[in-house]
Amino acid sequence: MEPMTAEQAAEAAKGLTFEQVWAILIKTDARLEETLEETAKQLRKSQEETARQLRETQEETARQLRESQKRTEKIVGDLSKNLGGLGNSLGRFTETMFSTELWKKFNELGYNFTKQGPNTKFMRYGQVLAEVDFILENGEYAMPIEIETELSALDVNDHLECIEKIRQYMDERGDMRILVGAVAGGIISDDVAKYAHKRGLFVIT
């Protein structure tokens, strides 16, 4: 039963006693209160359902994002590992390729080296002072060589610093041999080659 308007209530109240009108008003008020409570109940239920769906959506989105991030991290990790392995393989190949020819090339230039060694470390008090990819030696000369897959000007500068440390190492031990530096690379630009020559290094390509 729908609540009555004020006009309807006034019309209905004609010929009724005060007690009867009061009883009708109380009954109407009770029904109105029930309607409001039911409406509020349905509204709360709707809000709870909406909140639940929102939580589920957020949780699913977060789960998908976590899974996507894990997959991405795995792909990046695998790619880095593969690229790192490829770089190491190229580096070892380049060093091997040059090491078999360096002795011959410099002996043709009259150096007559009698000793060669790869990955040579110069130690001081248990610490590595300098390290070179390859070294050629005889009684008169020592030639530390830096070998790179693609030689850069930075590699040239690093090798020059390394040569200075080796010179200190030799001086401390009374080794008066002439120290001659060289760089080698599978790829060397003209500018880098000119820079290395200008700094006094042999360049082997």
N, C-alpha and C. Protein backbone atom coordinates (compact mmCIF):
# COMPACT_ATOMS: atom_id res chain seq x y z
N MET A 1 0.85 -1.19 0.00
CA MET A 1 0.00 0.00 0.00
C MET A 1 0.89 1.24 0.00
N GLU A 2 0.63 2.18 -0.97
CA GLU A 2 1.44 3.38 -1.10
C GLU A 2 1.03 4.41 -0.03
N PRO A 3 2.00 5.18 0.49
CA PRO A 3 1.68 6.23 1.46
C PRO A 3 0.76 7.26 0.83
N MET A 4 -0.16 7.86 1.61
CA MET A 4 -1.11 8.84 1.10
C MET A 4 -0.50 10.22 1.10
N THR A 5 -0.97 11.05 0.16
CA THR A 5 -0.57 12.44 0.15
C THR A 5 -1.34 13.18 1.24
N ALA A 6 -0.95 14.43 1.47
CA ALA A 6 -1.63 15.22 2.50
C ALA A 6 -3.10 15.42 2.14
N GLU A 7 -3.45 15.66 0.86
CA GLU A 7 -4.83 15.87 0.43
C GLU A 7 -5.63 14.58 0.64
N GLN A 8 -4.98 13.43 0.23
CA GLN A 8 -5.67 12.15 0.40
C GLN A 8 -5.92 11.85 1.88
N ALA A 9 -4.93 12.17 2.71
CA ALA A 9 -5.08 11.93 4.14
C ALA A 9 -6.22 12.79 4.72
N ALA A 10 -6.29 14.06 4.26
CA ALA A 10 -7.34 14.96 4.75
C ALA A 10 -8.72 14.47 4.33
N GLU A 11 -8.87 13.99 3.09
CA GLU A 11 -10.15 13.48 2.59
C GLU A 11 -10.56 12.24 3.33
N ALA A 12 -9.55 11.37 3.58
CA ALA A 12 -9.86 10.10 4.26
C ALA A 12 -10.22 10.34 5.72
N ALA A 13 -9.69 11.42 6.28
CA ALA A 13 -9.91 11.68 7.71
C ALA A 13 -11.29 12.25 8.00
N LYS A 14 -12.05 12.63 6.96
CA LYS A 14 -13.38 13.18 7.19
C LYS A 14 -14.29 12.12 7.80
N GLY A 15 -14.96 12.48 8.86
CA GLY A 15 -15.90 11.57 9.51
C GLY A 15 -15.23 10.60 10.45
N LEU A 16 -13.85 10.69 10.63
CA LEU A 16 -13.12 9.79 11.53
C LEU A 16 -12.82 10.50 12.84
N THR A 17 -12.69 9.74 13.86
CA THR A 17 -12.32 10.30 15.16
C THR A 17 -10.82 10.53 15.19
N PHE A 18 -10.39 11.28 16.19
CA PHE A 18 -8.96 11.56 16.35
C PHE A 18 -8.18 10.28 16.54
N GLU A 19 -8.74 9.34 17.33
CA GLU A 19 -8.03 8.08 17.59
C GLU A 19 -7.85 7.29 16.31
N GLN A 20 -8.90 7.31 15.44
CA GLN A 20 -8.80 6.56 14.19
C GLN A 20 -7.77 7.18 13.25
N VAL A 21 -7.76 8.51 13.17
CA VAL A 21 -6.76 9.20 12.33
C VAL A 21 -5.36 8.92 12.84
N TRP A 22 -5.21 8.97 14.16
CA TRP A 22 -3.89 8.72 14.76
C TRP A 22 -3.41 7.30 14.46
N ALA A 23 -4.30 6.35 14.51
CA ALA A 23 -3.95 4.95 14.24
C ALA A 23 -3.49 4.80 12.78
N ILE A 24 -4.22 5.52 11.88
CA ILE A 24 -3.83 5.45 10.45
C ILE A 24 -2.44 6.04 10.23
N LEU A 25 -2.19 7.19 10.90
CA LEU A 25 -0.88 7.84 10.76
C LEU A 25 0.24 6.94 11.26
N ILE A 26 0.00 6.30 12.41
CA ILE A 26 1.02 5.41 12.98
C ILE A 26 1.30 4.24 12.01
N LYS A 27 0.22 3.70 11.45
CA LYS A 27 0.38 2.57 10.52
C LYS A 27 1.13 3.00 9.26
N THR A 28 0.78 4.20 8.76
CA THR A 28 1.45 4.72 7.57
C THR A 28 2.93 4.97 7.85
N ASP A 29 3.22 5.52 9.02
CA ASP A 29 4.61 5.79 9.41
C ASP A 29 5.41 4.51 9.51
N ALA A 30 4.76 3.46 10.06
CA ALA A 30 5.45 2.17 10.20
C ALA A 30 5.80 1.60 8.84
N ARG A 31 4.82 1.70 7.91
CA ARG A 31 5.07 1.19 6.56
C ARG A 31 6.18 1.99 5.86
N LEU A 32 6.15 3.30 6.07
CA LEU A 32 7.19 4.15 5.49
C LEU A 32 8.57 3.78 6.04
N GLU A 33 8.62 3.51 7.34
CA GLU A 33 9.90 3.12 7.97
C GLU A 33 10.39 1.79 7.42
N GLU A 34 9.43 0.83 7.23
CA GLU A 34 9.82 -0.46 6.65
C GLU A 34 10.38 -0.28 5.23
N THR A 35 9.70 0.60 4.47
CA THR A 35 10.16 0.86 3.09
C THR A 35 11.56 1.46 3.08
N LEU A 36 11.80 2.42 3.98
CA LEU A 36 13.12 3.05 4.06
C LEU A 36 14.19 2.04 4.48
N GLU A 37 13.85 1.18 5.44
CA GLU A 37 14.81 0.17 5.89
C GLU A 37 15.14 -0.82 4.78
N GLU A 38 14.11 -1.22 4.02
CA GLU A 38 14.33 -2.15 2.90
C GLU A 38 15.20 -1.50 1.82
N THR A 39 14.88 -0.22 1.56
CA THR A 39 15.67 0.52 0.56
C THR A 39 17.13 0.63 1.00
N ALA A 40 17.35 0.97 2.29
CA ALA A 40 18.70 1.08 2.83
C ALA A 40 19.43 -0.26 2.79
N LYS A 41 18.68 -1.33 3.08
CA LYS A 41 19.25 -2.68 3.06
C LYS A 41 19.72 -3.04 1.65
N GLN A 42 18.85 -2.78 0.68
CA GLN A 42 19.20 -3.08 -0.71
C GLN A 42 20.39 -2.23 -1.17
N LEU A 43 20.40 -0.97 -0.72
CA LEU A 43 21.50 -0.08 -1.09
C LEU A 43 22.82 -0.58 -0.51
N ARG A 44 22.80 -1.02 0.78
CA ARG A 44 24.01 -1.56 1.41
C ARG A 44 24.48 -2.81 0.68
N LYS A 45 23.53 -3.66 0.33
CA LYS A 45 23.87 -4.89 -0.36
C LYS A 45 24.51 -4.59 -1.72
N SER A 46 23.93 -3.60 -2.41
CA SER A 46 24.46 -3.20 -3.71
C SER A 46 25.88 -2.64 -3.57
N GLN A 47 26.08 -1.81 -2.53
CA GLN A 47 27.40 -1.24 -2.28
C GLN A 47 28.42 -2.32 -1.96
N GLU A 48 28.01 -3.29 -1.13
CA GLU A 48 28.91 -4.39 -0.77
C GLU A 48 29.28 -5.21 -2.00
N GLU A 49 28.31 -5.47 -2.86
CA GLU A 49 28.57 -6.23 -4.08
C GLU A 49 29.51 -5.47 -5.02
N THR A 50 29.25 -4.17 -5.12
CA THR A 50 30.13 -3.34 -5.95
C THR A 50 31.56 -3.33 -5.41
N ALA A 51 31.70 -3.20 -4.08
CA ALA A 51 33.02 -3.20 -3.45
C ALA A 51 33.71 -4.54 -3.65
N ARG A 52 32.94 -5.64 -3.52
CA ARG A 52 33.51 -6.98 -3.71
C ARG A 52 34.02 -7.15 -5.14
N GLN A 53 33.21 -6.75 -6.11
CA GLN A 53 33.62 -6.85 -7.50
C GLN A 53 34.86 -6.00 -7.79
N LEU A 54 34.90 -4.81 -7.16
CA LEU A 54 36.04 -3.93 -7.35
C LEU A 54 37.31 -4.56 -6.78
N ARG A 55 37.19 -5.17 -5.57
CA ARG A 55 38.34 -5.84 -4.95
C ARG A 55 38.83 -6.99 -5.84
N GLU A 56 37.88 -7.78 -6.35
CA GLU A 56 38.25 -8.90 -7.20
C GLU A 56 38.95 -8.41 -8.47
N THR A 57 38.42 -7.33 -9.04
CA THR A 57 39.03 -6.77 -10.24
C THR A 57 40.44 -6.26 -9.96
N GLN A 58 40.60 -5.56 -8.82
CA GLN A 58 41.92 -5.04 -8.45
C GLN A 58 42.89 -6.17 -8.18
N GLU A 59 42.42 -7.22 -7.47
CA GLU A 59 43.29 -8.35 -7.17
C GLU A 59 43.71 -9.08 -8.45
N GLU A 60 42.77 -9.24 -9.38
CA GLU A 60 43.08 -9.92 -10.64
C GLU A 60 44.06 -9.08 -11.47
N THR A 61 43.83 -7.77 -11.50
CA THR A 61 44.73 -6.88 -12.23
C THR A 61 46.13 -6.92 -11.63
N ALA A 62 46.19 -6.88 -10.28
CA ALA A 62 47.49 -6.94 -9.61
C ALA A 62 48.19 -8.27 -9.89
N ARG A 63 47.42 -9.36 -9.87
CA ARG A 63 48.00 -10.68 -10.15
C ARG A 63 48.56 -10.75 -11.57
N GLN A 64 47.78 -10.23 -12.53
CA GLN A 64 48.24 -10.23 -13.92
C GLN A 64 49.49 -9.37 -14.09
N LEU A 65 49.52 -8.23 -13.38
CA LEU A 65 50.70 -7.36 -13.45
C LEU A 65 51.93 -8.06 -12.88
N ARG A 66 51.74 -8.78 -11.75
CA ARG A 66 52.87 -9.51 -11.15
C ARG A 66 53.39 -10.59 -12.09
N GLU A 67 52.46 -11.33 -12.69
CA GLU A 67 52.87 -12.38 -13.62
C GLU A 67 53.57 -11.79 -14.84
N SER A 68 53.03 -10.68 -15.34
CA SER A 68 53.64 -10.02 -16.49
C SER A 68 55.04 -9.52 -16.16
N GLN A 69 55.20 -8.96 -14.94
CA GLN A 69 56.50 -8.46 -14.52
C GLN A 69 57.51 -9.60 -14.39
N LYS A 70 57.05 -10.75 -13.84
CA LYS A 70 57.94 -11.90 -13.71
C LYS A 70 58.40 -12.39 -15.08
N ARG A 71 57.45 -12.46 -16.02
CA ARG A 71 57.81 -12.90 -17.37
C ARG A 71 58.79 -11.94 -18.01
N THR A 72 58.54 -10.63 -17.83
CA THR A 72 59.44 -9.63 -18.40
C THR A 72 60.83 -9.74 -17.80
N GLU A 73 60.90 -9.89 -16.47
CA GLU A 73 62.20 -10.00 -15.80
C GLU A 73 62.95 -11.24 -16.27
N LYS A 74 62.22 -12.34 -16.49
CA LYS A 74 62.87 -13.57 -16.96
C LYS A 74 63.41 -13.38 -18.38
N ILE A 75 62.59 -12.74 -19.24
CA ILE A 75 63.04 -12.50 -20.62
C ILE A 75 64.28 -11.63 -20.63
N VAL A 76 64.26 -10.54 -19.84
CA VAL A 76 65.42 -9.63 -19.77
C VAL A 76 66.64 -10.35 -19.23
N GLY A 77 66.42 -11.17 -18.18
CA GLY A 77 67.53 -11.92 -17.59
C GLY A 77 68.14 -12.90 -18.58
N ASP A 78 67.28 -13.64 -19.27
CA ASP A 78 67.77 -14.60 -20.27
C ASP A 78 68.50 -13.88 -21.40
N LEU A 79 67.94 -12.74 -21.84
CA LEU A 79 68.57 -11.99 -22.92
C LEU A 79 69.93 -11.46 -22.50
N SER A 80 70.02 -10.93 -21.26
CA SER A 80 71.29 -10.41 -20.76
C SER A 80 72.33 -11.53 -20.67
N LYS A 81 71.86 -12.70 -20.18
CA LYS A 81 72.78 -13.84 -20.06
C LYS A 81 73.30 -14.26 -21.44
N ASN A 82 72.37 -14.32 -22.41
CA ASN A 82 72.77 -14.74 -23.74
C ASN A 82 73.71 -13.74 -24.40
N LEU A 83 73.37 -12.45 -24.24
CA LEU A 83 74.23 -11.41 -24.81
C LEU A 83 75.59 -11.40 -24.13
N GLY A 84 75.58 -11.60 -22.80
CA GLY A 84 76.85 -11.65 -22.07
C GLY A 84 77.71 -12.80 -22.53
N GLY A 85 77.06 -13.97 -22.71
CA GLY A 85 77.80 -15.13 -23.19
C GLY A 85 78.34 -14.92 -24.58
N LEU A 86 77.53 -14.29 -25.44
CA LEU A 86 77.98 -14.00 -26.79
C LEU A 86 79.16 -13.04 -26.77
N GLY A 87 79.08 -12.00 -25.92
CA GLY A 87 80.19 -11.05 -25.82
C GLY A 87 81.46 -11.72 -25.36
N ASN A 88 81.35 -12.59 -24.36
CA ASN A 88 82.53 -13.31 -23.87
C ASN A 88 83.12 -14.20 -24.94
N SER A 89 82.24 -14.88 -25.70
CA SER A 89 82.71 -15.77 -26.76
C SER A 89 83.43 -14.98 -27.85
N LEU A 90 82.85 -13.82 -28.22
CA LEU A 90 83.50 -12.98 -29.23
C LEU A 90 84.86 -12.49 -28.74
N GLY A 91 84.91 -12.12 -27.46
CA GLY A 91 86.17 -11.63 -26.90
C GLY A 91 87.24 -12.71 -26.92
N ARG A 92 86.87 -13.93 -26.49
CA ARG A 92 87.83 -15.03 -26.50
C ARG A 92 88.28 -15.37 -27.92
N PHE A 93 87.31 -15.34 -28.86
CA PHE A 93 87.66 -15.63 -30.25
C PHE A 93 88.64 -14.60 -30.79
N THR A 94 88.39 -13.31 -30.50
CA THR A 94 89.27 -12.25 -30.98
C THR A 94 90.67 -12.40 -30.40
N GLU A 95 90.77 -12.69 -29.09
CA GLU A 95 92.08 -12.86 -28.46
C GLU A 95 92.82 -14.04 -29.07
N THR A 96 92.11 -15.15 -29.29
CA THR A 96 92.74 -16.33 -29.87
C THR A 96 93.21 -16.06 -31.29
N MET A 97 92.37 -15.36 -32.05
CA MET A 97 92.69 -15.04 -33.44
C MET A 97 93.99 -14.23 -33.53
N PHE A 98 94.15 -13.23 -32.66
CA PHE A 98 95.34 -12.39 -32.72
C PHE A 98 96.56 -13.06 -32.09
N SER A 99 96.36 -13.80 -31.01
CA SER A 99 97.51 -14.36 -30.29
C SER A 99 98.33 -15.31 -31.16
N THR A 100 97.67 -15.98 -32.12
CA THR A 100 98.41 -16.91 -32.98
C THR A 100 99.24 -16.18 -34.02
N GLU A 101 98.98 -14.88 -34.23
CA GLU A 101 99.68 -14.13 -35.26
C GLU A 101 100.63 -13.05 -34.73
N LEU A 102 100.41 -12.64 -33.48
CA LEU A 102 101.20 -11.51 -32.96
C LEU A 102 102.69 -11.80 -32.96
N TRP A 103 103.08 -12.95 -32.48
CA TRP A 103 104.49 -13.34 -32.42
C TRP A 103 105.12 -13.20 -33.80
N LYS A 104 104.43 -13.77 -34.79
CA LYS A 104 104.96 -13.77 -36.15
C LYS A 104 105.07 -12.35 -36.71
N LYS A 105 104.02 -11.55 -36.50
CA LYS A 105 104.00 -10.20 -37.06
C LYS A 105 105.16 -9.34 -36.53
N PHE A 106 105.38 -9.40 -35.21
CA PHE A 106 106.42 -8.54 -34.66
C PHE A 106 107.83 -9.08 -34.89
N ASN A 107 107.97 -10.38 -35.02
CA ASN A 107 109.28 -10.93 -35.38
C ASN A 107 109.65 -10.50 -36.78
N GLU A 108 108.64 -10.36 -37.66
CA GLU A 108 108.90 -9.87 -39.01
C GLU A 108 109.41 -8.44 -39.00
N LEU A 109 109.04 -7.69 -37.94
CA LEU A 109 109.51 -6.30 -37.79
C LEU A 109 110.86 -6.21 -37.09
N GLY A 110 111.44 -7.39 -36.75
CA GLY A 110 112.79 -7.40 -36.18
C GLY A 110 112.86 -7.43 -34.67
N TYR A 111 111.74 -7.67 -33.97
CA TYR A 111 111.78 -7.69 -32.51
C TYR A 111 112.29 -9.02 -31.96
N ASN A 112 112.09 -10.11 -32.67
CA ASN A 112 112.58 -11.43 -32.25
C ASN A 112 112.20 -11.77 -30.80
N PHE A 113 110.92 -11.73 -30.53
CA PHE A 113 110.45 -12.07 -29.19
C PHE A 113 110.66 -13.56 -28.93
N THR A 114 111.02 -13.85 -27.70
CA THR A 114 111.30 -15.25 -27.31
C THR A 114 110.28 -15.80 -26.33
N LYS A 115 109.40 -14.94 -25.87
CA LYS A 115 108.42 -15.38 -24.87
C LYS A 115 107.11 -14.66 -25.10
N GLN A 116 106.00 -15.37 -24.93
CA GLN A 116 104.69 -14.74 -25.02
C GLN A 116 103.78 -15.33 -23.95
N GLY A 117 102.81 -14.55 -23.54
CA GLY A 117 101.90 -15.03 -22.50
C GLY A 117 100.56 -14.32 -22.57
N PRO A 118 99.44 -15.06 -22.47
CA PRO A 118 98.11 -14.44 -22.47
C PRO A 118 97.68 -14.08 -21.04
N ASN A 119 96.78 -13.10 -20.95
CA ASN A 119 96.16 -12.73 -19.66
C ASN A 119 97.19 -12.63 -18.54
N THR A 120 98.15 -11.74 -18.71
CA THR A 120 99.24 -11.59 -17.75
C THR A 120 98.90 -10.55 -16.70
N LYS A 121 99.10 -10.91 -15.43
CA LYS A 121 98.85 -10.00 -14.31
C LYS A 121 100.16 -9.56 -13.69
N PHE A 122 100.23 -8.30 -13.29
CA PHE A 122 101.37 -7.75 -12.58
C PHE A 122 100.92 -7.46 -11.15
N MET A 123 101.51 -8.17 -10.19
CA MET A 123 101.06 -8.13 -8.80
C MET A 123 101.99 -7.30 -7.93
N ARG A 124 101.39 -6.60 -6.96
CA ARG A 124 102.17 -5.87 -5.96
C ARG A 124 101.48 -6.07 -4.61
N TYR A 125 102.22 -6.66 -3.67
CA TYR A 125 101.70 -6.92 -2.32
C TYR A 125 100.37 -7.68 -2.36
N GLY A 126 100.28 -8.63 -3.26
CA GLY A 126 99.09 -9.46 -3.35
C GLY A 126 97.93 -8.82 -4.10
N GLN A 127 98.13 -7.61 -4.61
CA GLN A 127 97.09 -6.91 -5.35
C GLN A 127 97.46 -6.82 -6.82
N VAL A 128 96.46 -6.88 -7.70
CA VAL A 128 96.71 -6.75 -9.13
C VAL A 128 96.96 -5.29 -9.46
N LEU A 129 98.19 -4.99 -9.89
CA LEU A 129 98.55 -3.62 -10.27
C LEU A 129 98.10 -3.32 -11.69
N ALA A 130 98.30 -4.30 -12.57
CA ALA A 130 97.93 -4.14 -13.98
C ALA A 130 97.69 -5.51 -14.58
N GLU A 131 96.89 -5.53 -15.64
CA GLU A 131 96.59 -6.79 -16.32
C GLU A 131 96.46 -6.52 -17.81
N VAL A 132 97.09 -7.39 -18.62
CA VAL A 132 97.03 -7.21 -20.07
C VAL A 132 96.55 -8.51 -20.72
N ASP A 133 95.95 -8.36 -21.90
CA ASP A 133 95.43 -9.52 -22.61
C ASP A 133 96.55 -10.42 -23.12
N PHE A 134 97.66 -9.79 -23.49
CA PHE A 134 98.75 -10.56 -24.09
C PHE A 134 100.05 -9.78 -23.91
N ILE A 135 101.15 -10.50 -23.78
CA ILE A 135 102.45 -9.83 -23.67
C ILE A 135 103.51 -10.62 -24.44
N LEU A 136 104.35 -9.89 -25.18
CA LEU A 136 105.49 -10.47 -25.89
C LEU A 136 106.76 -9.94 -25.24
N GLU A 137 107.77 -10.80 -25.07
CA GLU A 137 108.98 -10.40 -24.34
C GLU A 137 110.24 -10.99 -24.97
N ASN A 138 111.35 -10.31 -24.76
CA ASN A 138 112.69 -10.85 -24.96
C ASN A 138 113.62 -10.09 -24.02
N GLY A 139 114.90 -10.22 -24.18
CA GLY A 139 115.83 -9.58 -23.26
C GLY A 139 115.90 -8.08 -23.38
N GLU A 140 115.37 -7.53 -24.45
CA GLU A 140 115.47 -6.09 -24.69
C GLU A 140 114.11 -5.37 -24.62
N TYR A 141 113.05 -6.07 -25.01
CA TYR A 141 111.73 -5.45 -25.10
C TYR A 141 110.67 -6.23 -24.32
N ALA A 142 109.66 -5.49 -23.88
CA ALA A 142 108.43 -6.08 -23.35
C ALA A 142 107.28 -5.33 -24.00
N MET A 143 106.33 -6.08 -24.57
CA MET A 143 105.23 -5.44 -25.31
C MET A 143 103.88 -5.91 -24.77
N PRO A 144 103.26 -5.15 -23.88
CA PRO A 144 101.89 -5.48 -23.44
C PRO A 144 100.90 -5.09 -24.53
N ILE A 145 99.94 -5.97 -24.78
CA ILE A 145 98.99 -5.76 -25.88
C ILE A 145 97.56 -5.87 -25.36
N GLU A 146 96.75 -4.88 -25.70
CA GLU A 146 95.32 -4.90 -25.39
C GLU A 146 94.57 -5.36 -26.64
N ILE A 147 93.72 -6.39 -26.47
CA ILE A 147 92.98 -6.95 -27.61
C ILE A 147 91.49 -6.77 -27.35
N GLU A 148 90.80 -6.11 -28.29
CA GLU A 148 89.36 -5.88 -28.17
C GLU A 148 88.66 -6.31 -29.45
N THR A 149 87.40 -6.76 -29.30
CA THR A 149 86.61 -7.08 -30.48
C THR A 149 86.41 -5.83 -31.32
N GLU A 150 86.06 -4.71 -30.66
CA GLU A 150 85.96 -3.41 -31.33
C GLU A 150 86.69 -2.39 -30.47
N LEU A 151 87.81 -1.94 -30.95
CA LEU A 151 88.67 -1.04 -30.17
C LEU A 151 88.10 0.38 -30.17
N SER A 152 88.11 1.00 -29.00
CA SER A 152 87.64 2.39 -28.87
C SER A 152 88.77 3.26 -28.32
N ALA A 153 88.56 4.58 -28.39
CA ALA A 153 89.55 5.51 -27.85
C ALA A 153 89.69 5.31 -26.34
N LEU A 154 88.59 4.95 -25.66
CA LEU A 154 88.64 4.68 -24.22
C LEU A 154 89.53 3.48 -23.93
N ASP A 155 89.45 2.44 -24.78
CA ASP A 155 90.32 1.27 -24.61
C ASP A 155 91.78 1.68 -24.75
N VAL A 156 92.05 2.58 -25.70
CA VAL A 156 93.43 3.07 -25.90
C VAL A 156 93.92 3.78 -24.65
N ASN A 157 93.09 4.66 -24.09
CA ASN A 157 93.48 5.40 -22.88
C ASN A 157 93.71 4.46 -21.70
N ASP A 158 92.82 3.48 -21.55
CA ASP A 158 92.97 2.51 -20.45
C ASP A 158 94.27 1.74 -20.59
N HIS A 159 94.61 1.37 -21.81
CA HIS A 159 95.85 0.59 -22.03
C HIS A 159 97.08 1.45 -21.76
N LEU A 160 97.02 2.71 -22.11
CA LEU A 160 98.15 3.61 -21.82
C LEU A 160 98.36 3.74 -20.31
N GLU A 161 97.28 3.83 -19.54
CA GLU A 161 97.40 3.88 -18.08
C GLU A 161 97.98 2.57 -17.56
N CYS A 162 97.56 1.47 -18.16
CA CYS A 162 98.08 0.16 -17.76
C CYS A 162 99.58 0.07 -18.03
N ILE A 163 100.02 0.59 -19.17
CA ILE A 163 101.45 0.57 -19.52
C ILE A 163 102.25 1.39 -18.51
N GLU A 164 101.72 2.51 -18.07
CA GLU A 164 102.42 3.33 -17.06
C GLU A 164 102.60 2.55 -15.76
N LYS A 165 101.60 1.80 -15.36
CA LYS A 165 101.70 0.99 -14.14
C LYS A 165 102.72 -0.14 -14.32
N ILE A 166 102.75 -0.73 -15.51
CA ILE A 166 103.73 -1.79 -15.77
C ILE A 166 105.15 -1.21 -15.75
N ARG A 167 105.30 0.01 -16.26
CA ARG A 167 106.62 0.67 -16.23
C ARG A 167 107.07 0.86 -14.78
N GLN A 168 106.18 1.29 -13.91
CA GLN A 168 106.50 1.44 -12.48
C GLN A 168 106.90 0.09 -11.89
N TYR A 169 106.13 -0.93 -12.22
CA TYR A 169 106.40 -2.28 -11.74
C TYR A 169 107.80 -2.73 -12.15
N MET A 170 108.15 -2.51 -13.42
CA MET A 170 109.47 -2.92 -13.92
C MET A 170 110.58 -2.10 -13.28
N ASP A 171 110.37 -0.80 -13.12
CA ASP A 171 111.39 0.06 -12.50
C ASP A 171 111.67 -0.36 -11.07
N GLU A 172 110.63 -0.72 -10.35
CA GLU A 172 110.80 -1.16 -8.95
C GLU A 172 111.66 -2.41 -8.86
N ARG A 173 111.71 -3.18 -9.90
CA ARG A 173 112.47 -4.44 -9.91
C ARG A 173 113.76 -4.33 -10.73
N GLY A 174 114.08 -3.12 -11.12
CA GLY A 174 115.32 -2.92 -11.87
C GLY A 174 115.27 -3.49 -13.27
N ASP A 175 114.07 -3.67 -13.80
CA ASP A 175 113.91 -4.19 -15.16
C ASP A 175 113.98 -3.00 -16.12
N MET A 176 115.08 -2.89 -16.84
CA MET A 176 115.32 -1.72 -17.68
C MET A 176 114.95 -1.97 -19.15
N ARG A 177 114.25 -3.03 -19.43
CA ARG A 177 113.87 -3.30 -20.81
C ARG A 177 112.97 -2.19 -21.37
N ILE A 178 113.03 -2.04 -22.67
CA ILE A 178 112.19 -1.04 -23.33
C ILE A 178 110.76 -1.56 -23.37
N LEU A 179 109.83 -0.70 -22.93
CA LEU A 179 108.42 -1.07 -22.90
C LEU A 179 107.72 -0.46 -24.12
N VAL A 180 107.17 -1.31 -24.96
CA VAL A 180 106.51 -0.87 -26.19
C VAL A 180 105.06 -1.35 -26.14
N GLY A 181 104.11 -0.46 -26.34
CA GLY A 181 102.70 -0.84 -26.25
C GLY A 181 102.08 -1.12 -27.61
N ALA A 182 101.03 -1.93 -27.60
CA ALA A 182 100.30 -2.23 -28.83
C ALA A 182 98.84 -2.50 -28.50
N VAL A 183 97.98 -2.22 -29.47
CA VAL A 183 96.55 -2.55 -29.35
C VAL A 183 96.14 -3.33 -30.60
N ALA A 184 95.14 -4.20 -30.43
CA ALA A 184 94.65 -4.99 -31.54
C ALA A 184 93.14 -5.06 -31.46
N GLY A 185 92.48 -5.17 -32.60
CA GLY A 185 91.02 -5.25 -32.60
C GLY A 185 90.48 -5.81 -33.89
N GLY A 186 89.35 -6.48 -33.78
CA GLY A 186 88.69 -6.98 -34.98
C GLY A 186 88.10 -5.84 -35.77
N ILE A 187 87.64 -4.79 -35.05
CA ILE A 187 87.10 -3.60 -35.69
C ILE A 187 87.79 -2.38 -35.09
N ILE A 188 88.47 -1.61 -35.93
CA ILE A 188 89.13 -0.39 -35.47
C ILE A 188 88.86 0.71 -36.50
N SER A 189 88.22 1.78 -36.07
CA SER A 189 87.94 2.88 -36.99
C SER A 189 89.23 3.62 -37.31
N ASP A 190 89.22 4.36 -38.42
CA ASP A 190 90.41 5.13 -38.80
C ASP A 190 90.79 6.14 -37.73
N ASP A 191 89.77 6.79 -37.13
CA ASP A 191 90.04 7.80 -36.10
C ASP A 191 90.72 7.18 -34.88
N VAL A 192 90.23 6.03 -34.45
CA VAL A 192 90.83 5.37 -33.29
C VAL A 192 92.24 4.89 -33.62
N ALA A 193 92.44 4.36 -34.82
CA ALA A 193 93.78 3.91 -35.23
C ALA A 193 94.76 5.08 -35.24
N LYS A 194 94.33 6.21 -35.79
CA LYS A 194 95.20 7.40 -35.81
C LYS A 194 95.51 7.88 -34.40
N TYR A 195 94.50 7.85 -33.53
CA TYR A 195 94.70 8.28 -32.14
C TYR A 195 95.71 7.38 -31.43
N ALA A 196 95.57 6.07 -31.63
CA ALA A 196 96.49 5.13 -30.99
C ALA A 196 97.91 5.32 -31.51
N HIS A 197 98.06 5.50 -32.82
CA HIS A 197 99.39 5.74 -33.40
C HIS A 197 100.00 7.03 -32.83
N LYS A 198 99.17 8.06 -32.71
CA LYS A 198 99.64 9.34 -32.20
C LYS A 198 100.13 9.21 -30.75
N ARG A 199 99.52 8.29 -29.98
CA ARG A 199 99.93 8.08 -28.59
C ARG A 199 101.09 7.08 -28.48
N GLY A 200 101.64 6.67 -29.62
CA GLY A 200 102.84 5.84 -29.60
C GLY A 200 102.60 4.35 -29.56
N LEU A 201 101.43 3.90 -29.92
CA LEU A 201 101.11 2.47 -29.87
C LEU A 201 101.12 1.85 -31.26
N PHE A 202 101.54 0.59 -31.31
CA PHE A 202 101.34 -0.21 -32.51
C PHE A 202 99.84 -0.54 -32.59
N VAL A 203 99.31 -0.61 -33.81
CA VAL A 203 97.91 -0.97 -34.01
C VAL A 203 97.85 -2.17 -34.96
N ILE A 204 97.23 -3.26 -34.48
CA ILE A 204 97.13 -4.48 -35.28
C ILE A 204 95.65 -4.73 -35.58
N THR A 205 95.33 -4.88 -36.85
CA THR A 205 93.94 -5.14 -37.25
C THR A 205 93.85 -6.49 -37.94
